């Protein structure tokens, strides 16, 4: 008769010799960075990049002779860097505050778990 042909994945468990963890910690527990901090860290360079791109567009438009146009999207492009850079500074300040709060809570939690007094 012979051996039957293999028709699908094998149901053997012995493919991996090591131990596979079943309950992994959440990404926040592994890195210590929460969702708010991560959003602030991604928003800051995005806002800075948008401001820099608008400055480059304004410079290129001025060189090519289209910089004095006060219609269409040009007023927005010329005004955006004036708004983007202060927003970026506010985002950095917010990140520092949120990070400081998280670190103080973490150190307080560790001190409580060790039984130390504050």
Protein backbone atom coordinates (compact mmCIF):
# COMPACT_ATOMS: atom_id res chain seq x y z
CA UNK A 1 0.00 0.00 0.00
CA UNK A 2 2.56 2.55 0.97
CA UNK A 3 2.50 5.69 2.92
CA UNK A 4 -0.30 8.28 2.34
CA UNK A 5 0.64 11.59 0.76
CA UNK A 6 1.02 14.63 2.96
CA UNK A 7 -2.01 16.86 2.39
CA UNK A 8 -1.60 19.65 4.93
CA UNK A 9 0.47 20.96 7.81
CA UNK A 10 1.69 18.41 10.25
CA UNK A 11 0.11 18.31 13.65
CA UNK A 12 3.37 17.57 15.42
CA UNK A 13 4.34 19.64 18.45
CA UNK A 14 8.03 18.81 18.28
CA UNK A 15 8.97 21.47 15.70
CA UNK A 16 10.36 23.87 18.31
CA UNK A 17 12.52 22.50 21.10
CA UNK A 18 12.48 25.65 23.27
CA UNK A 19 9.87 26.92 25.67
CA UNK A 20 7.28 29.25 24.14
CA UNK A 21 5.85 31.84 26.54
CA UNK A 22 2.08 31.89 26.55
CA UNK A 23 1.47 35.13 28.39
CA UNK A 24 3.63 37.93 27.07
CA UNK A 25 3.59 41.30 28.78
CA UNK A 26 1.87 44.15 26.97
CA UNK A 27 4.11 46.49 24.95
CA UNK A 28 3.64 49.18 27.61
CA UNK A 29 4.96 46.80 30.26
CA UNK A 30 8.00 45.85 28.19
CA UNK A 31 9.08 49.36 27.21
CA UNK A 32 7.50 51.43 29.95
CA UNK A 33 6.08 53.86 27.38
CA UNK A 34 2.35 54.36 27.34
CA UNK A 35 0.13 55.20 24.40
CA UNK A 36 0.03 58.94 25.19
CA UNK A 37 3.81 59.17 25.29
CA UNK A 38 4.12 57.25 22.05
CA UNK A 39 1.61 59.56 20.35
CA UNK A 40 3.51 62.62 21.55
CA UNK A 41 6.81 61.14 20.35
CA UNK A 42 5.38 60.58 16.87
CA UNK A 43 3.50 63.88 16.70
CA UNK A 44 6.55 66.02 17.48
CA UNK A 45 8.71 65.05 14.47
CA UNK A 46 5.63 65.02 12.23
CA UNK A 47 4.78 68.62 13.10
CA UNK A 48 8.43 69.70 12.74
CA UNK A 49 8.66 67.92 9.38
CA UNK A 50 5.49 69.59 8.15
CA UNK A 51 6.86 73.01 9.11
CA UNK A 52 10.20 72.36 7.42
CA UNK A 53 8.51 71.11 4.24
CA UNK A 54 6.37 74.26 4.12
CA UNK A 55 9.46 76.45 4.55
CA UNK A 56 11.18 74.62 1.69
CA UNK A 57 8.07 75.06 -0.49
CA UNK A 58 7.98 78.78 0.27
CA UNK A 59 11.69 79.13 -0.60
CA UNK A 60 11.27 77.23 -3.86
CA UNK A 61 8.19 79.31 -4.73
CA UNK A 62 10.07 82.55 -4.03
CA UNK A 63 12.97 81.46 -6.22
CA UNK A 64 10.67 80.48 -9.07
CA UNK A 65 8.65 83.70 -8.83
CA UNK A 66 5.37 82.36 -7.40
CA UNK A 67 5.94 83.45 -3.79
CA UNK A 68 3.78 86.61 -3.80
CA UNK A 69 0.53 84.85 -4.62
CA UNK A 70 -2.15 85.56 -2.00
CA UNK A 71 -4.74 83.18 -3.39
CA UNK A 72 -5.24 79.45 -3.29
CA UNK A 73 -3.22 77.39 -0.83
CA UNK A 74 -0.26 79.78 -0.57
CA UNK A 75 -1.48 81.71 2.49
CA UNK A 76 -1.84 78.40 4.35
CA UNK A 77 1.61 77.22 3.31
CA UNK A 78 3.24 80.48 4.40
CA UNK A 79 1.37 80.56 7.73
CA UNK A 80 1.78 76.88 8.66
CA UNK A 81 5.41 77.07 9.93
CA UNK A 82 4.44 79.92 12.26
CA UNK A 83 1.87 77.62 13.84
CA UNK A 84 3.73 74.29 13.59
CA UNK A 85 6.87 75.19 15.51
CA UNK A 86 5.10 76.53 18.63
CA UNK A 87 2.86 73.44 18.58
CA UNK A 88 6.01 71.28 18.44
CA UNK A 89 7.40 73.06 21.50
CA UNK A 90 4.12 72.48 23.34
CA UNK A 91 4.27 68.78 22.37
CA UNK A 92 7.79 68.47 23.80
CA UNK A 93 6.72 70.13 27.04
CA UNK A 94 3.69 67.83 27.25
CA UNK A 95 5.92 64.79 26.69
CA UNK A 96 8.29 65.85 29.46
CA UNK A 97 5.38 66.34 31.87
CA UNK A 98 3.70 63.03 30.99
CA UNK A 99 7.00 61.16 31.17
CA UNK A 100 7.83 62.70 34.54
CA UNK A 101 4.43 61.72 35.93
CA UNK A 102 4.86 58.16 34.67
CA UNK A 103 8.35 57.84 36.12
CA UNK A 104 7.27 59.16 39.51
CA UNK A 105 4.36 56.71 39.60
CA UNK A 106 6.65 53.85 38.61
CA UNK A 107 9.20 54.71 41.29
CA UNK A 108 6.43 55.10 43.89
CA UNK A 109 4.99 51.72 42.87
CA UNK A 110 8.43 50.07 43.13
CA UNK A 111 9.03 51.64 46.55
CA UNK A 112 5.62 50.41 47.75
CA UNK A 113 6.32 46.90 46.48
CA UNK A 114 9.66 46.84 48.35
CA UNK A 115 8.05 48.13 51.52
CA UNK A 116 9.99 51.38 51.67
CA UNK A 117 8.57 54.59 53.09
CA UNK A 118 8.15 57.63 50.90
